[in-house]
C-alpha cells in the first residue's frame, strides 16, 4: 500500500469578518481532491449574536459550484472549532464561509483544509 499525496493550507481567513459569504475559490488542482478534511476555528466574536457556517462545494469546471451533500460544519456561535470531511467526485472543490447574526456580528476565524488525492 502506498501513501496518498496530501496538500494542506489555510484557505479562508476572516479577521473581524462582518456578515456575508466568503469563498476560497478552487483549493486543489483539477482532479486532485478525492477526500477533503476541513478544520474550522473561531478565535474571537463580536455583536449581539453571531454565527459561522462553513461548507464545501464542488464543480466540474471551476465555475458551476454546487454544495456537496453532508459536507458542512455545525453552526458555530462562539470561540471554538469543529471539523468535517467529504468525498469529492468533481474536479474542483472550494470552501465557503457564511457569517451571520444580529447586532453588527463579527467573527475572526480560519478554515484549513487537508486535500487527499
Protein backbone atom coordinates (compact mmCIF):
# COMPACT_ATOMS: atom_id res chain seq x y z
CA UNK A 1 0.00 0.00 0.00
CA UNK A 2 1.40 3.38 -0.98
CA UNK A 3 0.86 6.69 0.77
CA UNK A 4 -1.53 9.19 -0.77
CA UNK A 5 -0.41 12.72 -1.55
CA UNK A 6 -1.80 15.23 0.97
CA UNK A 7 -1.99 19.00 0.45
CA UNK A 8 -2.82 21.33 3.35
CA UNK A 9 -3.37 25.05 3.74
CA UNK A 10 -5.45 27.75 5.42
CA UNK A 11 -7.89 28.65 2.65
CA UNK A 12 -10.09 31.26 4.35
CA UNK A 13 -9.23 33.85 7.00
CA UNK A 14 -11.73 36.26 8.43
CA UNK A 15 -10.36 38.99 10.70
CA UNK A 16 -13.40 40.50 12.43
CA UNK A 17 -15.37 39.45 9.33
CA UNK A 18 -18.79 41.08 9.12
CA UNK A 19 -21.98 39.42 7.88
CA UNK A 20 -21.51 38.00 4.40
CA UNK A 21 -20.43 34.98 2.38
CA UNK A 22 -16.79 34.34 1.53
CA UNK A 23 -15.38 31.63 -0.77
CA UNK A 24 -11.88 30.28 -1.20
CA UNK A 25 -12.10 29.52 -4.89
CA UNK A 26 -10.54 26.23 -6.07
CA UNK A 27 -8.35 24.68 -3.37
CA UNK A 28 -6.70 21.91 -5.38
CA UNK A 29 -5.59 21.27 -8.92
CA UNK A 30 -8.19 19.69 -11.18
CA UNK A 31 -8.98 16.13 -10.18
CA UNK A 32 -6.71 16.07 -7.11
CA UNK A 33 -9.35 16.31 -4.40
CA UNK A 34 -10.57 12.81 -3.61
CA UNK A 35 -11.16 13.35 0.11
CA UNK A 36 -11.15 16.70 1.92
CA UNK A 37 -10.84 17.25 5.69
CA UNK A 38 -11.96 20.72 6.84
CA UNK A 39 -10.91 22.30 10.14
CA UNK A 40 -12.73 25.43 11.33
CA UNK A 41 -11.54 27.60 14.25
CA UNK A 42 -13.06 30.78 15.70
CA UNK A 43 -10.74 32.90 17.84
CA UNK A 44 -13.00 35.94 18.52
CA UNK A 45 -16.61 37.04 18.11
CA UNK A 46 -18.49 40.33 18.45
CA UNK A 47 -22.00 41.68 18.19
CA UNK A 48 -25.24 40.65 19.87
CA UNK A 49 -25.36 37.24 18.21
CA UNK A 50 -23.04 35.82 15.61
CA UNK A 51 -22.91 32.65 13.54
CA UNK A 52 -20.42 30.98 11.25
CA UNK A 53 -21.36 28.24 8.80
CA UNK A 54 -18.76 26.54 6.61
CA UNK A 55 -19.45 24.17 3.73
CA UNK A 56 -17.75 22.58 0.76
CA UNK A 57 -18.83 22.98 -2.83
CA UNK A 58 -17.63 21.17 -5.93
CA UNK A 59 -17.66 21.89 -9.65
CA UNK A 60 -16.71 20.06 -12.82
CA UNK A 61 -15.35 23.29 -14.36
CA UNK A 62 -14.32 25.70 -11.53
CA UNK A 63 -17.36 27.84 -12.37
CA UNK A 64 -20.58 25.89 -11.70
CA UNK A 65 -20.39 25.39 -7.91
CA UNK A 66 -22.86 23.18 -6.02
CA UNK A 67 -23.00 22.16 -2.37
CA UNK A 68 -21.60 18.72 -1.54
CA UNK A 69 -24.37 16.91 0.39
CA UNK A 70 -23.43 16.44 4.05
CA UNK A 71 -20.22 18.48 3.72
CA UNK A 72 -20.91 21.28 6.18
CA UNK A 73 -19.94 22.28 9.69
CA UNK A 74 -22.28 22.55 12.60
CA UNK A 75 -23.20 26.20 13.10
CA UNK A 76 -20.62 27.90 15.31
CA UNK A 77 -21.69 30.76 17.59
CA UNK A 78 -18.72 31.22 19.93
CA UNK A 79 -14.96 30.81 20.21
CA UNK A 80 -14.06 27.19 19.43
CA UNK A 81 -13.91 24.90 16.46
CA UNK A 82 -15.14 21.89 14.56
CA UNK A 83 -14.15 19.67 11.66
CA UNK A 84 -15.81 17.63 8.94
CA UNK A 85 -14.80 15.70 5.83
CA UNK A 86 -16.18 14.81 2.43
CA UNK A 87 -15.52 12.72 -0.62
CA UNK A 88 -15.27 14.79 -3.79
CA UNK A 89 -16.35 13.42 -7.17
CA UNK A 90 -15.98 16.60 -9.28
CA UNK A 91 -12.67 18.03 -10.47
CA UNK A 92 -12.73 21.15 -8.29
CA UNK A 93 -13.61 21.91 -4.65
CA UNK A 94 -13.90 25.15 -2.65
CA UNK A 95 -14.71 26.16 0.91
CA UNK A 96 -17.47 28.69 1.63
CA UNK A 97 -17.91 30.53 4.95
CA UNK A 98 -21.03 32.50 5.87
CA UNK A 99 -21.01 34.96 8.77
CA UNK A 100 -24.44 35.95 10.08
CA UNK A 101 -26.24 37.15 13.18
CA UNK A 102 -27.58 40.37 14.65
CA UNK A 103 -26.17 43.46 16.31
CA UNK A 104 -23.31 44.01 13.82
CA UNK A 105 -21.87 40.49 14.10
CA UNK A 106 -18.15 39.92 13.59
CA UNK A 107 -16.25 36.65 13.59
CA UNK A 108 -12.49 36.10 13.47
CA UNK A 109 -11.95 32.64 12.01
CA UNK A 110 -9.73 30.35 9.97
CA UNK A 111 -10.68 27.49 7.67
CA UNK A 112 -7.92 24.99 6.95
CA UNK A 113 -8.16 22.01 4.62
CA UNK A 114 -6.30 18.80 4.01
CA UNK A 115 -6.79 17.52 0.48
CA UNK A 116 -6.04 13.87 -0.25
CA UNK A 117 -5.92 12.65 -3.82
